[in-house]
Amino acid sequence: MTRARRAAGALESEIMTVLQRAAEPLTPAAVRQRLDGDLAYTTVVTILTRMHGKGLLVRSKSGRAYRYMPVSDEPGLVARRMYQAMDGRPDRAAVLARFVESLTDQDERLVRSLLGGG
């Protein structure tokens, strides 16, 4: 019997959800225990290490393992992804213009309000 593979990024998303719901930083073993399925410990460690490398998690040593926690809440992580998608692009104005064009009227009012012009 073969297991269905997760979509790209799905496991990372599941792990992030587990960490965001936790009351404290978690070890890889604790993350593995809270996930559905029978993932290998090494798989969880690999994903946590990659997420830490991407700057999504902070970690602290706890015995022989690390304890991991998100650097931000979900809105903060989404904002970070938006910034990273735009960072370093020579056409930032064009990217922002396209983004603003795609906003609903309600979201546009919200952005104006947040910028102090609404």
PDB file of N, CA and C in Angstrom:
ATOM      1  N   MET A   1       0.832  -1.166   0.000  1.00  0.00           N
ATOM      2  CA  MET A   1       0.000   0.000   0.000  1.00  0.00           C
ATOM      3  C   MET A   1       0.888   1.244   0.000  1.00  0.00           C
ATOM      4  N   THR A   2       0.625   2.173  -0.899  1.00  0.00           N
ATOM      5  CA  THR A   2       1.423   3.383  -0.968  1.00  0.00           C
ATOM      6  C   THR A   2       0.656   4.553  -0.375  1.00  0.00           C
ATOM      7  N   ARG A   3       1.397   5.432   0.231  1.00  0.00           N
ATOM      8  CA  ARG A   3       0.793   6.633   0.799  1.00  0.00           C
ATOM      9  C   ARG A   3       0.756   7.720  -0.264  1.00  0.00           C
ATOM     10  N   ALA A   4      -0.303   8.501  -0.261  1.00  0.00           N
ATOM     11  CA  ALA A   4      -0.389   9.628  -1.176  1.00  0.00           C
ATOM     12  C   ALA A   4       0.579  10.710  -0.714  1.00  0.00           C
ATOM     13  N   ARG A   5       1.274  11.297  -1.678  1.00  0.00           N
ATOM     14  CA  ARG A   5       2.201  12.378  -1.345  1.00  0.00           C
ATOM     15  C   ARG A   5       1.430  13.669  -1.117  1.00  0.00           C
ATOM     16  N   ARG A   6       1.926  14.461  -0.203  1.00  0.00           N
ATOM     17  CA  ARG A   6       1.322  15.766   0.056  1.00  0.00           C
ATOM     18  C   ARG A   6       1.711  16.728  -1.062  1.00  0.00           C
ATOM     19  N   ALA A   7       0.878  17.715  -1.278  1.00  0.00           N
ATOM     20  CA  ALA A   7       1.209  18.767  -2.234  1.00  0.00           C
ATOM     21  C   ALA A   7       2.408  19.543  -1.708  1.00  0.00           C
ATOM     22  N   ALA A   8       3.148  20.149  -2.626  1.00  0.00           N
ATOM     23  CA  ALA A   8       4.319  20.931  -2.235  1.00  0.00           C
ATOM     24  C   ALA A   8       3.912  21.991  -1.221  1.00  0.00           C
ATOM     25  N   GLY A   9       4.629  22.044  -0.122  1.00  0.00           N
ATOM     26  CA  GLY A   9       4.347  23.042   0.904  1.00  0.00           C
ATOM     27  C   GLY A   9       3.269  22.644   1.901  1.00  0.00           C
ATOM     28  N   ALA A  10       2.550  21.560   1.632  1.00  0.00           N
ATOM     29  CA  ALA A  10       1.453  21.163   2.521  1.00  0.00           C
ATOM     30  C   ALA A  10       1.972  20.738   3.896  1.00  0.00           C
ATOM     31  N   LEU A  11       3.049  19.981   3.924  1.00  0.00           N
ATOM     32  CA  LEU A  11       3.598  19.535   5.204  1.00  0.00           C
ATOM     33  C   LEU A  11       4.133  20.732   5.992  1.00  0.00           C
ATOM     34  N   GLU A  12       4.787  21.649   5.303  1.00  0.00           N
ATOM     35  CA  GLU A  12       5.275  22.855   5.962  1.00  0.00           C
ATOM     36  C   GLU A  12       4.105  23.628   6.575  1.00  0.00           C
ATOM     37  N   SER A  13       3.028  23.722   5.844  1.00  0.00           N
ATOM     38  CA  SER A  13       1.835  24.422   6.331  1.00  0.00           C
ATOM     39  C   SER A  13       1.237  23.717   7.545  1.00  0.00           C
ATOM     40  N   GLU A  14       1.177  22.388   7.501  1.00  0.00           N
ATOM     41  CA  GLU A  14       0.645  21.621   8.630  1.00  0.00           C
ATOM     42  C   GLU A  14       1.509  21.819   9.873  1.00  0.00           C
ATOM     43  N   ILE A  15       2.815  21.803   9.680  1.00  0.00           N
ATOM     44  CA  ILE A  15       3.733  21.988  10.803  1.00  0.00           C
ATOM     45  C   ILE A  15       3.589  23.396  11.377  1.00  0.00           C
ATOM     46  N   MET A  16       3.457  24.391  10.501  1.00  0.00           N
ATOM     47  CA  MET A  16       3.283  25.766  10.977  1.00  0.00           C
ATOM     48  C   MET A  16       2.008  25.884  11.807  1.00  0.00           C
ATOM     49  N   THR A  17       0.938  25.233  11.368  1.00  0.00           N
ATOM     50  CA  THR A  17      -0.321  25.264  12.117  1.00  0.00           C
ATOM     51  C   THR A  17      -0.142  24.650  13.500  1.00  0.00           C
ATOM     52  N   VAL A  18       0.550  23.522  13.569  1.00  0.00           N
ATOM     53  CA  VAL A  18       0.815  22.869  14.859  1.00  0.00           C
ATOM     54  C   VAL A  18       1.587  23.815  15.776  1.00  0.00           C
ATOM     55  N   LEU A  19       2.611  24.462  15.233  1.00  0.00           N
ATOM     56  CA  LEU A  19       3.435  25.354  16.051  1.00  0.00           C
ATOM     57  C   LEU A  19       2.668  26.598  16.492  1.00  0.00           C
ATOM     58  N   GLN A  20       1.818  27.125  15.620  1.00  0.00           N
ATOM     59  CA  GLN A  20       1.047  28.315  15.982  1.00  0.00           C
ATOM     60  C   GLN A  20       0.011  28.011  17.059  1.00  0.00           C
ATOM     61  N   ARG A  21      -0.498  26.808  17.083  1.00  0.00           N
ATOM     62  CA  ARG A  21      -1.506  26.430  18.084  1.00  0.00           C
ATOM     63  C   ARG A  21      -0.896  26.028  19.420  1.00  0.00           C
ATOM     64  N   ALA A  22       0.397  25.792  19.434  1.00  0.00           N
ATOM     65  CA  ALA A  22       1.063  25.340  20.659  1.00  0.00           C
ATOM     66  C   ALA A  22       1.233  26.502  21.633  1.00  0.00           C
ATOM     67  N   ALA A  23       1.165  26.190  22.901  1.00  0.00           N
ATOM     68  CA  ALA A  23       1.324  27.207  23.947  1.00  0.00           C
ATOM     69  C   ALA A  23       2.793  27.505  24.227  1.00  0.00           C
ATOM     70  N   GLU A  24       3.678  26.664  23.697  1.00  0.00           N
ATOM     71  CA  GLU A  24       5.109  26.817  23.949  1.00  0.00           C
ATOM     72  C   GLU A  24       5.883  26.262  22.758  1.00  0.00           C
ATOM     73  N   PRO A  25       7.176  26.576  22.657  1.00  0.00           N
ATOM     74  CA  PRO A  25       7.985  25.995  21.583  1.00  0.00           C
ATOM     75  C   PRO A  25       7.991  24.470  21.680  1.00  0.00           C
ATOM     76  N   LEU A  26       8.017  23.805  20.521  1.00  0.00           N
ATOM     77  CA  LEU A  26       7.925  22.346  20.481  1.00  0.00           C
ATOM     78  C   LEU A  26       9.184  21.710  19.908  1.00  0.00           C
ATOM     79  N   THR A  27       9.499  20.530  20.412  1.00  0.00           N
ATOM     80  CA  THR A  27      10.570  19.719  19.841  1.00  0.00           C
ATOM     81  C   THR A  27      10.031  19.016  18.596  1.00  0.00           C
ATOM     82  N   PRO A  28      10.926  18.520  17.738  1.00  0.00           N
ATOM     83  CA  PRO A  28      10.456  17.753  16.584  1.00  0.00           C
ATOM     84  C   PRO A  28       9.575  16.562  16.989  1.00  0.00           C
ATOM     85  N   ALA A  29       9.912  15.903  18.085  1.00  0.00           N
ATOM     86  CA  ALA A  29       9.104  14.761  18.539  1.00  0.00           C
ATOM     87  C   ALA A  29       7.688  15.202  18.892  1.00  0.00           C
ATOM     88  N   ALA A  30       7.554  16.350  19.547  1.00  0.00           N
ATOM     89  CA  ALA A  30       6.228  16.856  19.915  1.00  0.00           C
ATOM     90  C   ALA A  30       5.440  17.270  18.677  1.00  0.00           C
ATOM     91  N   VAL A  31       6.120  17.873  17.699  1.00  0.00           N
ATOM     92  CA  VAL A  31       5.454  18.238  16.441  1.00  0.00           C
ATOM     93  C   VAL A  31       4.963  16.978  15.753  1.00  0.00           C
ATOM     94  N   ARG A  32       5.834  15.982  15.656  1.00  0.00           N
ATOM     95  CA  ARG A  32       5.486  14.712  14.999  1.00  0.00           C
ATOM     96  C   ARG A  32       4.277  14.070  15.665  1.00  0.00           C
ATOM     97  N   GLN A  33       4.244  14.098  16.975  1.00  0.00           N
ATOM     98  CA  GLN A  33       3.150  13.491  17.734  1.00  0.00           C
ATOM     99  C   GLN A  33       1.819  14.183  17.438  1.00  0.00           C
ATOM    100  N   ARG A  34       1.852  15.500  17.222  1.00  0.00           N
ATOM    101  CA  ARG A  34       0.616  16.258  16.996  1.00  0.00           C
ATOM    102  C   ARG A  34       0.135  16.232  15.542  1.00  0.00           C
ATOM    103  N   LEU A  35       0.972  15.770  14.639  1.00  0.00           N
ATOM    104  CA  LEU A  35       0.575  15.668  13.235  1.00  0.00           C
ATOM    105  C   LEU A  35      -0.176  14.364  12.999  1.00  0.00           C
ATOM    106  N   ASP A  36      -1.134  14.413  12.092  1.00  0.00           N
ATOM    107  CA  ASP A  36      -1.805  13.178  11.690  1.00  0.00           C
ATOM    108  C   ASP A  36      -0.877  12.405  10.764  1.00  0.00           C
ATOM    109  N   GLY A  37      -0.935  11.113  10.836  1.00  0.00           N
ATOM    110  CA  GLY A  37      -0.118  10.297   9.949  1.00  0.00           C
ATOM    111  C   GLY A  37       1.083   9.720  10.652  1.00  0.00           C
ATOM    112  N   ASP A  38       1.878   9.039   9.889  1.00  0.00           N
ATOM    113  CA  ASP A  38       3.032   8.343  10.458  1.00  0.00           C
ATOM    114  C   ASP A  38       4.320   8.836   9.799  1.00  0.00           C
ATOM    115  N   LEU A  39       4.603  10.106   9.981  1.00  0.00           N
ATOM    116  CA  LEU A  39       5.816  10.689   9.418  1.00  0.00           C
ATOM    117  C   LEU A  39       7.044  10.203  10.173  1.00  0.00           C
ATOM    118  N   ALA A  40       8.129  10.079   9.457  1.00  0.00           N
ATOM    119  CA  ALA A  40       9.395   9.745  10.092  1.00  0.00           C
ATOM    120  C   ALA A  40       9.892  10.957  10.878  1.00  0.00           C
ATOM    121  N   TYR A  41      10.520  10.701  11.995  1.00  0.00           N
ATOM    122  CA  TYR A  41      11.088  11.771  12.816  1.00  0.00           C
ATOM    123  C   TYR A  41      12.037  12.624  11.978  1.00  0.00           C
ATOM    124  N   THR A  42      12.854  11.961  11.151  1.00  0.00           N
ATOM    125  CA  THR A  42      13.825  12.693  10.335  1.00  0.00           C
ATOM    126  C   THR A  42      13.146  13.622   9.329  1.00  0.00           C
ATOM    127  N   THR A  43      11.982  13.244   8.845  1.00  0.00           N
ATOM    128  CA  THR A  43      11.234  14.110   7.927  1.00  0.00           C
ATOM    129  C   THR A  43      10.818  15.387   8.640  1.00  0.00           C
ATOM    130  N   VAL A  44      10.309  15.246   9.849  1.00  0.00           N
ATOM    131  CA  VAL A  44       9.886  16.413  10.631  1.00  0.00           C
ATOM    132  C   VAL A  44      11.090  17.307  10.924  1.00  0.00           C
ATOM    133  N   VAL A  45      12.211  16.717  11.315  1.00  0.00           N
ATOM    134  CA  VAL A  45      13.423  17.492  11.594  1.00  0.00           C
ATOM    135  C   VAL A  45      13.866  18.243  10.338  1.00  0.00           C
ATOM    136  N   THR A  46      13.843  17.582   9.194  1.00  0.00           N
ATOM    137  CA  THR A  46      14.245  18.220   7.935  1.00  0.00           C
ATOM    138  C   THR A  46      13.370  19.420   7.613  1.00  0.00           C
ATOM    139  N   ILE A  47      12.058  19.259   7.734  1.00  0.00           N
ATOM    140  CA  ILE A  47      11.140  20.358   7.429  1.00  0.00           C
ATOM    141  C   ILE A  47      11.341  21.507   8.417  1.00  0.00           C
ATOM    142  N   LEU A  48      11.465  21.199   9.697  1.00  0.00           N
ATOM    143  CA  LEU A  48      11.696  22.245  10.701  1.00  0.00           C
ATOM    144  C   LEU A  48      13.004  22.993  10.428  1.00  0.00           C
ATOM    145  N   THR A  49      14.045  22.267  10.065  1.00  0.00           N
ATOM    146  CA  THR A  49      15.341  22.884   9.760  1.00  0.00           C
ATOM    147  C   THR A  49      15.227  23.803   8.555  1.00  0.00           C
ATOM    148  N   ARG A  50      14.524  23.361   7.530  1.00  0.00           N
ATOM    149  CA  ARG A  50      14.332  24.199   6.334  1.00  0.00           C
ATOM    150  C   ARG A  50      13.519  25.445   6.665  1.00  0.00           C
ATOM    151  N   MET A  51      12.471  25.280   7.462  1.00  0.00           N
ATOM    152  CA  MET A  51      11.642  26.427   7.849  1.00  0.00           C
ATOM    153  C   MET A  51      12.455  27.426   8.677  1.00  0.00           C
ATOM    154  N   HIS A  52      13.320  26.916   9.540  1.00  0.00           N
ATOM    155  CA  HIS A  52      14.207  27.784  10.313  1.00  0.00           C
ATOM    156  C   HIS A  52      15.148  28.525   9.366  1.00  0.00           C
ATOM    157  N   GLY A  53      15.686  27.821   8.390  1.00  0.00           N
ATOM    158  CA  GLY A  53      16.572  28.435   7.406  1.00  0.00           C
ATOM    159  C   GLY A  53      15.899  29.518   6.581  1.00  0.00           C
ATOM    160  N   LYS A  54      14.606  29.382   6.367  1.00  0.00           N
ATOM    161  CA  LYS A  54      13.837  30.386   5.618  1.00  0.00           C
ATOM    162  C   LYS A  54      13.460  31.581   6.493  1.00  0.00           C
ATOM    163  N   GLY A  55      13.769  31.496   7.774  1.00  0.00           N
ATOM    164  CA  GLY A  55      13.433  32.583   8.684  1.00  0.00           C
ATOM    165  C   GLY A  55      12.003  32.547   9.189  1.00  0.00           C
ATOM    166  N   LEU A  56      11.326  31.399   9.024  1.00  0.00           N
ATOM    167  CA  LEU A  56       9.941  31.277   9.475  1.00  0.00           C
ATOM    168  C   LEU A  56       9.839  30.876  10.938  1.00  0.00           C
ATOM    169  N   LEU A  57      10.904  30.248  11.453  1.00  0.00           N
ATOM    170  CA  LEU A  57      10.900  29.745  12.827  1.00  0.00           C
ATOM    171  C   LEU A  57      12.147  30.210  13.557  1.00  0.00           C
ATOM    172  N   VAL A  58      12.024  30.326  14.867  1.00  0.00           N
ATOM    173  CA  VAL A  58      13.190  30.486  15.730  1.00  0.00           C
ATOM    174  C   VAL A  58      13.316  29.192  16.523  1.00  0.00           C
ATOM    175  N   ARG A  59      14.522  28.913  16.970  1.00  0.00           N
ATOM    176  CA  ARG A  59      14.721  27.683  17.734  1.00  0.00           C
ATOM    177  C   ARG A  59      15.685  27.931  18.876  1.00  0.00           C
ATOM    178  N   SER A  60      15.532  27.101  19.899  1.00  0.00           N
ATOM    179  CA  SER A  60      16.431  27.151  21.045  1.00  0.00           C
ATOM    180  C   SER A  60      16.767  25.718  21.420  1.00  0.00           C
ATOM    181  N   LYS A  61      17.982  25.529  21.897  1.00  0.00           N
ATOM    182  CA  LYS A  61      18.445  24.192  22.260  1.00  0.00           C
ATOM    183  C   LYS A  61      17.713  23.707  23.501  1.00  0.00           C
ATOM    184  N   SER A  62      17.296  22.446  23.459  1.00  0.00           N
ATOM    185  CA  SER A  62      16.609  21.823  24.587  1.00  0.00           C
ATOM    186  C   SER A  62      17.131  20.397  24.698  1.00  0.00           C
ATOM    187  N   GLY A  63      18.142  20.205  25.535  1.00  0.00           N
ATOM    188  CA  GLY A  63      18.776  18.893  25.608  1.00  0.00           C
ATOM    189  C   GLY A  63      19.512  18.619  24.307  1.00  0.00           C
ATOM    190  N   ARG A  64      19.207  17.495  23.678  1.00  0.00           N
ATOM    191  CA  ARG A  64      19.856  17.139  22.414  1.00  0.00           C
ATOM    192  C   ARG A  64      19.079  17.644  21.208  1.00  0.00           C
ATOM    193  N   ALA A  65      17.883  18.143  21.428  1.00  0.00           N
ATOM    194  CA  ALA A  65      17.039  18.614  20.324  1.00  0.00           C
ATOM    195  C   ALA A  65      16.847  20.122  20.416  1.00  0.00           C
ATOM    196  N   TYR A  66      16.221  20.658  19.399  1.00  0.00           N
ATOM    197  CA  TYR A  66      15.814  22.060  19.415  1.00  0.00           C
ATOM    198  C   TYR A  66      14.321  22.139  19.690  1.00  0.00           C
ATOM    199  N   ARG A  67      13.905  23.265  20.219  1.00  0.00           N
ATOM    200  CA  ARG A  67      12.481  23.602  20.340  1.00  0.00           C
ATOM    201  C   ARG A  67      12.224  24.728  19.345  1.00  0.00           C
ATOM    202  N   TYR A  68      11.141  24.597  18.594  1.00  0.00           N
ATOM    203  CA  TYR A  68      10.833  25.545  17.524  1.00  0.00           C
ATOM    204  C   TYR A  68       9.555  26.308  17.810  1.00  0.00           C
ATOM    205  N   MET A  69       9.531  27.572  17.341  1.00  0.00           N
ATOM    206  CA  MET A  69       8.312  28.366  17.393  1.00  0.00           C
ATOM    207  C   MET A  69       8.317  29.341  16.217  1.00  0.00           C
ATOM    208  N   PRO A  70       7.141  29.741  15.751  1.00  0.00           N
ATOM    209  CA  PRO A  70       7.065  30.680  14.626  1.00  0.00           C
ATOM    210  C   PRO A  70       7.617  32.050  15.021  1.00  0.00           C
ATOM    211  N   VAL A  71       8.188  32.754  14.047  1.00  0.00           N
ATOM    212  CA  VAL A  71       8.693  34.099  14.318  1.00  0.00           C
ATOM    213  C   VAL A  71       7.556  35.101  14.412  1.00  0.00           C
ATOM    214  N   SER A  72       6.395  34.738  13.876  1.00  0.00           N
ATOM    215  CA  SER A  72       5.275  35.663  13.840  1.00  0.00           C
ATOM    216  C   SER A  72       3.967  34.884  13.804  1.00  0.00           C
ATOM    217  N   ASP A  73       2.870  35.607  13.991  1.00  0.00           N
ATOM    218  CA  ASP A  73       1.559  34.987  13.834  1.00  0.00           C
ATOM    219  C   ASP A  73       1.249  34.854  12.334  1.00  0.00           C
ATOM    220  N   GLU A  74       0.109  34.269  12.004  1.00  0.00           N
ATOM    221  CA  GLU A  74      -0.221  34.021  10.600  1.00  0.00           C
ATOM    222  C   GLU A  74      -0.270  35.297   9.759  1.00  0.00           C
ATOM    223  N   PRO A  75      -0.934  36.373  10.216  1.00  0.00           N
ATOM    224  CA  PRO A  75      -0.918  37.598   9.406  1.00  0.00           C
ATOM    225  C   PRO A  75       0.501  38.134   9.174  1.00  0.00           C
ATOM    226  N   GLY A  76       1.345  38.024  10.177  1.00  0.00           N
ATOM    227  CA  GLY A  76       2.725  38.469  10.027  1.00  0.00           C
ATOM    228  C   GLY A  76       3.487  37.652   9.005  1.00  0.00           C
ATOM    229  N   LEU A  77       3.249  36.342   8.983  1.00  0.00           N
ATOM    230  CA  LEU A  77       3.919  35.480   8.013  1.00  0.00           C
ATOM    231  C   LEU A  77       3.445  35.765   6.596  1.00  0.00           C
ATOM    232  N   VAL A  78       2.143  36.020   6.426  1.00  0.00           N
ATOM    233  CA  VAL A  78       1.619  36.358   5.096  1.00  0.00           C
ATOM    234  C   VAL A  78       2.226  37.679   4.631  1.00  0.00           C
ATOM    235  N   ALA A  79       2.288  38.653   5.518  1.00  0.00           N
ATOM    236  CA  ALA A  79       2.886  39.946   5.170  1.00  0.00           C
ATOM    237  C   ALA A  79       4.347  39.769   4.779  1.00  0.00           C
ATOM    238  N   ARG A  80       5.044  38.906   5.481  1.00  0.00           N
ATOM    239  CA  ARG A  80       6.452  38.635   5.167  1.00  0.00           C
ATOM    240  C   ARG A  80       6.592  38.040   3.773  1.00  0.00           C
ATOM    241  N   ARG A  81       5.705  37.089   3.425  1.00  0.00           N
ATOM    242  CA  ARG A  81       5.749  36.486   2.084  1.00  0.00           C
ATOM    243  C   ARG A  81       5.488  37.531   1.002  1.00  0.00           C
ATOM    244  N   MET A  82       4.537  38.422   1.275  1.00  0.00           N
ATOM    245  CA  MET A  82       4.234  39.480   0.308  1.00  0.00           C
ATOM    246  C   MET A  82       5.460  40.370   0.104  1.00  0.00           C
ATOM    247  N   TYR A  83       6.105  40.728   1.195  1.00  0.00           N
ATOM    248  CA  TYR A  83       7.294  41.569   1.099  1.00  0.00           C
ATOM    249  C   TYR A  83       8.412  40.846   0.349  1.00  0.00           C
ATOM    250  N   GLN A  84       8.631  39.581   0.665  1.00  0.00           N
ATOM    251  CA  GLN A  84       9.693  38.824   0.014  1.00  0.00           C
ATOM    252  C   GLN A  84       9.443  38.673  -1.482  1.00  0.00           C
ATOM    253  N   ALA A  85       8.175  38.554  -1.874  1.00  0.00           N
ATOM    254  CA  ALA A  85       7.851  38.441  -3.298  1.00  0.00           C
ATOM    255  C   ALA A  85       8.218  39.725  -4.037  1.00  0.00           C
ATOM    256  N   MET A  86       8.206  40.828  -3.342  1.00  0.00           N
ATOM    257  CA  MET A  86       8.466  42.121  -3.958  1.00  0.00           C
ATOM    258  C   MET A  86       9.905  42.593  -3.757  1.00  0.00           C
ATOM    259  N   ASP A  87      10.551  42.123  -2.730  1.00  0.00           N
ATOM    260  CA  ASP A  87      11.877  42.590  -2.349  1.00  0.00           C
ATOM    261  C   ASP A  87      12.898  42.389  -3.470  1.00  0.00           C
ATOM    262  N   GLY A  88      13.643  43.430  -3.749  1.00  0.00           N
ATOM    263  CA  GLY A  88      14.717  43.338  -4.723  1.00  0.00           C
ATOM    264  C   GLY A  88      14.278  43.456  -6.170  1.00  0.00           C
ATOM    265  N   ARG A  89      13.003  43.591  -6.413  1.00  0.00           N
ATOM    266  CA  ARG A  89      12.524  43.734  -7.791  1.00  0.00           C
ATOM    267  C   ARG A  89      12.756  45.168  -8.252  1.00  0.00           C
ATOM    268  N   PRO A  90      13.269  45.331  -9.456  1.00  0.00           N
ATOM    269  CA  PRO A  90      13.461  46.687  -9.966  1.00  0.00           C
ATOM    270  C   PRO A  90      12.138  47.370 -10.307  1.00  0.00           C
ATOM    271  N   ASP A  91      11.086  46.586 -10.476  1.00  0.00           N
ATOM    272  CA  ASP A  91       9.783  47.121 -10.878  1.00  0.00           C
ATOM    273  C   ASP A  91       8.792  47.136  -9.717  1.00  0.00           C
ATOM    274  N   ARG A  92       9.250  47.545  -8.544  1.00  0.00           N
ATOM    275  CA  ARG A  92       8.400  47.546  -7.345  1.00  0.00           C
ATOM    276  C   ARG A  92       7.118  48.335  -7.555  1.00  0.00           C
ATOM    277  N   ALA A  93       7.218  49.482  -8.217  1.00  0.00           N
ATOM    278  CA  ALA A  93       6.027  50.308  -8.448  1.00  0.00           C
ATOM    279  C   ALA A  93       5.008  49.546  -9.286  1.00  0.00           C
ATOM    280  N   ALA A  94       5.474  48.824 -10.286  1.00  0.00           N
ATOM    281  CA  ALA A  94       4.560  48.051 -11.134  1.00  0.00           C
ATOM    282  C   ALA A  94       3.916  46.921 -10.340  1.00  0.00           C
ATOM    283  N   VAL A  95       4.702  46.263  -9.501  1.00  0.00           N
ATOM    284  CA  VAL A  95       4.164  45.172  -8.681  1.00  0.00           C
ATOM    285  C   VAL A  95       3.104  45.714  -7.726  1.00  0.00           C
ATOM    286  N   LEU A  96       3.411  46.801  -7.053  1.00  0.00           N
ATOM    287  CA  LEU A  96       2.445  47.397  -6.130  1.00  0.00           C
ATOM    288  C   LEU A  96       1.195  47.881  -6.862  1.00  0.00           C
ATOM    289  N   ALA A  97       1.384  48.463  -8.041  1.00  0.00           N
ATOM    290  CA  ALA A  97       0.230  48.936  -8.818  1.00  0.00           C
ATOM    291  C   ALA A  97      -0.684  47.774  -9.182  1.00  0.00           C
ATOM    292  N   ARG A  98      -0.105  46.667  -9.616  1.00  0.00           N
ATOM    293  CA  ARG A  98      -0.919  45.489  -9.957  1.00  0.00           C
ATOM    294  C   ARG A  98      -1.633  44.945  -8.731  1.00  0.00           C
ATOM    295  N   PHE A  99      -0.951  44.961  -7.610  1.00  0.00           N
ATOM    296  CA  PHE A  99      -1.572  44.487  -6.379  1.00  0.00           C
ATOM    297  C   PHE A  99      -2.763  45.364  -6.018  1.00  0.00           C
ATOM    298  N   VAL A 100      -2.563  46.671  -6.043  1.00  0.00           N
ATOM    299  CA  VAL A 100      -3.636  47.603  -5.687  1.00  0.00           C
ATOM    300  C   VAL A 100      -4.812  47.471  -6.654  1.00  0.00           C
ATOM    301  N   GLU A 101      -4.521  47.277  -7.947  1.00  0.00           N
ATOM    302  CA  GLU A 101      -5.592  47.102  -8.938  1.00  0.00           C
ATOM    303  C   GLU A 101      -6.458  45.885  -8.632  1.00  0.00           C
ATOM    304  N   SER A 102      -5.874  44.896  -7.989  1.00  0.00           N
ATOM    305  CA  SER A 102      -6.607  43.651  -7.723  1.00  0.00           C
ATOM    306  C   SER A 102      -7.425  43.696  -6.429  1.00  0.00           C
ATOM    307  N   LEU A 103      -7.273  44.761  -5.644  1.00  0.00           N
ATOM    308  CA  LEU A 103      -7.986  44.860  -4.370  1.00  0.00           C
ATOM    309  C   LEU A 103      -9.474  45.127  -4.577  1.00  0.00           C
ATOM    310  N   THR A 104     -10.267  44.586  -3.681  1.00  0.00           N
ATOM    311  CA  THR A 104     -11.687  44.939  -3.662  1.00  0.00           C
ATOM    312  C   THR A 104     -11.804  46.364  -3.133  1.00  0.00           C
ATOM    313  N   ASP A 105     -12.949  46.985  -3.335  1.00  0.00           N
ATOM    314  CA  ASP A 105     -13.154  48.344  -2.819  1.00  0.00           C
ATOM    315  C   ASP A 105     -12.960  48.385  -1.304  1.00  0.00           C
ATOM    316  N   GLN A 106     -13.462  47.364  -0.634  1.00  0.00           N
ATOM    317  CA  GLN A 106     -13.339  47.304   0.825  1.00  0.00           C
ATOM    318  C   GLN A 106     -11.872  47.209   1.248  1.00  0.00           C
ATOM    319  N   ASP A 107     -11.094  46.349   0.567  1.00  0.00           N
ATOM    320  CA  ASP A 107      -9.679  46.218   0.903  1.00  0.00           C
ATOM    321  C   ASP A 107      -8.917  47.501   0.583  1.00  0.00           C
ATOM    322  N   GLU A 108      -9.294  48.164  -0.507  1.00  0.00           N
ATOM    323  CA  GLU A 108      -8.639  49.426  -0.855  1.00  0.00           C
ATOM    324  C   GLU A 108      -8.880  50.476   0.234  1.00  0.00           C
ATOM    325  N   ARG A 109     -10.110  50.550   0.735  1.00  0.00           N
ATOM    326  CA  ARG A 109     -10.412  51.489   1.822  1.00  0.00           C
ATOM    327  C   ARG A 109      -9.597  51.144   3.069  1.00  0.00           C
ATOM    328  N   LEU A 110      -9.471  49.856   3.338  1.00  0.00           N
ATOM    329  CA  LEU A 110      -8.692  49.424   4.498  1.00  0.00           C
ATOM    330  C   LEU A 110      -7.228  49.835   4.360  1.00  0.00           C
ATOM    331  N   VAL A 111      -6.651  49.618   3.187  1.00  0.00           N
ATOM    332  CA  VAL A 111      -5.253  49.999   2.965  1.00  0.00           C
ATOM    333  C   VAL A 111      -5.088  51.508   3.122  1.00  0.00           C
ATOM    334  N   ARG A 112      -6.004  52.275   2.546  1.00  0.00           N
ATOM    335  CA  ARG A 112      -5.934  53.739   2.680  1.00  0.00           C
ATOM    336  C   ARG A 112      -6.006  54.144   4.157  1.00  0.00           C
ATOM    337  N   SER A 113      -6.888  53.495   4.896  1.00  0.00           N
ATOM    338  CA  SER A 113      -7.034  53.788   6.318  1.00  0.00           C
ATOM    339  C   SER A 113      -5.743  53.471   7.072  1.00  0.00           C
ATOM    340  N   LEU A 114      -5.138  52.332   6.761  1.00  0.00           N
ATOM    341  CA  LEU A 114      -3.895  51.936   7.424  1.00  0.00           C
ATOM    342  C   LEU A 114      -2.751  52.891   7.098  1.00  0.00           C
ATOM    343  N   LEU A 115      -2.793  53.468   5.899  1.00  0.00           N
ATOM    344  CA  LEU A 115      -1.754  54.410   5.487  1.00  0.00           C
ATOM    345  C   LEU A 115      -2.040  55.835   5.952  1.00  0.00           C
ATOM    346  N   GLY A 116      -3.182  56.020   6.615  1.00  0.00           N
ATOM    347  CA  GLY A 116      -3.514  57.329   7.159  1.00  0.00           C
ATOM    348  C   GLY A 116      -4.174  58.269   6.174  1.00  0.00           C
ATOM    349  N   GLY A 117      -4.613  57.742   5.041  1.00  0.00           N
ATOM    350  CA  GLY A 117      -5.225  58.609   4.036  1.00  0.00           C
ATOM    351  C   GLY A 117      -6.688  58.321   3.822  1.00  0.00           C
ATOM    352  N   GLY A 118      -7.316  57.664   4.757  1.00  0.00           N
ATOM    353  CA  GLY A 118      -8.680  57.256   4.485  1.00  0.00           C
ATOM    354  C   GLY A 118      -9.649  57.682   5.493  1.00  0.00           C
TER     355      GLY A 118
END
